[in-house]
Amino acid sequence: MDKRIGHYAFLAGVLLAVLAGLIKDFLAADVTTLILVILGLVVGLMNVTAKETIEFLVAAIAIMLAGAANLTIIPGIGVYLQQTIAFIVVFVAPAAIVVAFKAVYALAER
């Protein structure tokens, strides 16, 4: 059951982030951000196993670094790409924080 909740939270978070990035004024930015943070926390708590920790954290770092790129210089779609990646970063960052804390806790238990 927990794995399915985490799976659905991941799908909902990615879908919401992409829609919010592509459709200007999809929802109020504050509401969208809050929902993405909550979904990210759920994913971090329920969807990433100890075996997947390193791969998840590397991917999260890559996504967050990609969010620092200035994609708005791409004609036509740059603004949408920038907004989409920004919302994906908002979704991934809380999950990465939770997974990183879980990893530190597991290391401290050894």
Protein backbone atom coordinates (compact mmCIF):
# COMPACT_ATOMS: atom_id res chain seq x y z
CA MET A 1 0.00 0.00 0.00
CA ASP A 2 2.74 2.48 0.95
CA LYS A 3 4.62 1.81 -2.29
CA ARG A 4 1.50 2.59 -4.33
CA ILE A 5 0.92 5.86 -2.48
CA GLY A 6 4.52 6.87 -3.15
CA HIS A 7 4.16 5.84 -6.79
CA TYR A 8 0.99 7.89 -7.25
CA ALA A 9 2.54 10.84 -5.42
CA PHE A 10 5.49 10.71 -7.82
CA LEU A 11 3.26 10.59 -10.89
CA ALA A 12 1.06 13.40 -9.57
CA GLY A 13 4.08 15.54 -8.72
CA VAL A 14 5.70 15.16 -12.13
CA LEU A 15 2.40 15.77 -13.91
CA LEU A 16 1.61 18.85 -11.81
CA ALA A 17 5.13 20.25 -12.27
CA VAL A 18 5.00 19.82 -16.04
CA LEU A 19 1.49 21.27 -16.35
CA ALA A 20 2.34 24.20 -14.08
CA GLY A 21 5.45 24.91 -16.14
CA LEU A 22 3.73 24.70 -19.49
CA ILE A 23 0.47 26.49 -18.67
CA LYS A 24 1.00 29.99 -17.41
CA ASP A 25 -1.10 30.71 -14.34
CA PHE A 26 -2.04 27.01 -14.05
CA LEU A 27 -2.69 27.52 -10.35
CA ALA A 28 -1.57 30.17 -7.95
CA ALA A 29 2.19 29.71 -7.62
CA ASP A 30 1.92 29.41 -3.84
CA VAL A 31 -0.66 26.64 -4.02
CA THR A 32 1.29 24.76 -6.70
CA THR A 33 4.50 25.06 -4.69
CA LEU A 34 2.85 23.82 -1.51
CA ILE A 35 1.30 20.83 -3.27
CA LEU A 36 4.62 19.95 -4.93
CA VAL A 37 6.50 20.18 -1.63
CA ILE A 38 3.99 17.90 0.09
CA LEU A 39 4.11 15.39 -2.78
CA GLY A 40 7.93 15.52 -2.70
CA LEU A 41 7.93 14.74 1.02
CA VAL A 42 5.60 11.79 0.44
CA VAL A 43 7.85 10.46 -2.34
CA GLY A 44 10.93 10.83 -0.17
CA LEU A 45 9.31 9.03 2.74
CA MET A 46 7.54 6.24 0.90
CA ASN A 47 8.98 5.68 -2.53
CA VAL A 48 12.78 5.59 -2.27
CA THR A 49 14.29 2.47 -0.72
CA ALA A 50 17.71 2.24 0.93
CA LYS A 51 18.99 0.42 -2.16
CA GLU A 52 17.92 3.32 -4.42
CA THR A 53 19.31 6.10 -2.23
CA ILE A 54 22.52 6.88 -4.10
CA GLU A 55 20.93 6.76 -7.54
CA PHE A 56 18.04 8.95 -6.40
CA LEU A 57 20.31 11.54 -4.78
CA VAL A 58 22.58 11.73 -7.84
CA ALA A 59 19.55 12.19 -10.09
CA ALA A 60 18.12 14.82 -7.73
CA ILE A 61 21.42 16.74 -7.77
CA ALA A 62 21.47 16.60 -11.58
CA ILE A 63 17.92 17.93 -11.82
CA MET A 64 18.59 20.71 -9.33
CA LEU A 65 21.74 21.74 -11.20
CA ALA A 66 19.82 21.74 -14.49
CA GLY A 67 17.39 24.14 -12.84
CA ALA A 68 20.23 26.64 -12.52
CA ALA A 69 20.71 26.80 -16.30
CA ASN A 70 19.32 29.80 -18.14
CA LEU A 71 17.00 28.13 -20.61
CA THR A 72 15.07 31.31 -21.34
CA ILE A 73 17.55 32.11 -24.12
CA ILE A 74 16.06 29.32 -26.24
CA PRO A 75 13.63 31.00 -28.61
CA GLY A 76 9.98 30.08 -28.23
CA ILE A 77 10.12 27.30 -25.66
CA GLY A 78 12.87 28.49 -23.33
CA VAL A 79 10.55 30.19 -20.86
CA TYR A 80 8.36 27.09 -20.63
CA LEU A 81 11.36 24.80 -20.15
CA GLN A 82 12.71 27.06 -17.42
CA GLN A 83 9.38 27.16 -15.59
CA THR A 84 8.89 23.40 -15.91
CA ILE A 85 12.32 22.58 -14.53
CA ALA A 86 11.83 25.09 -11.72
CA PHE A 87 8.62 23.32 -10.66
CA ILE A 88 10.30 19.91 -10.96
CA VAL A 89 13.08 21.17 -8.67
CA VAL A 90 10.45 22.30 -6.16
CA PHE A 91 9.06 18.75 -6.25
CA VAL A 92 12.40 16.90 -6.10
CA ALA A 93 14.18 19.00 -3.45
CA PRO A 94 12.01 17.95 -0.47
CA ALA A 95 12.25 14.30 -1.52
CA ALA A 96 16.04 14.62 -1.75
CA ILE A 97 16.22 16.18 1.70
CA VAL A 98 14.16 13.35 3.22
CA VAL A 99 16.21 10.66 1.46
CA ALA A 100 19.48 12.33 2.49
CA PHE A 101 18.36 12.45 6.14
CA LYS A 102 17.34 8.79 5.95
CA ALA A 103 20.79 7.95 4.54
CA VAL A 104 22.57 9.90 7.29
CA TYR A 105 20.44 8.17 9.90
CA ALA A 106 21.25 4.75 8.42
CA LEU A 107 24.95 5.60 8.47
CA ALA A 108 24.73 6.75 12.09
CA GLU A 109 23.12 3.45 13.10
CA ARG A 110 26.12 1.44 11.87
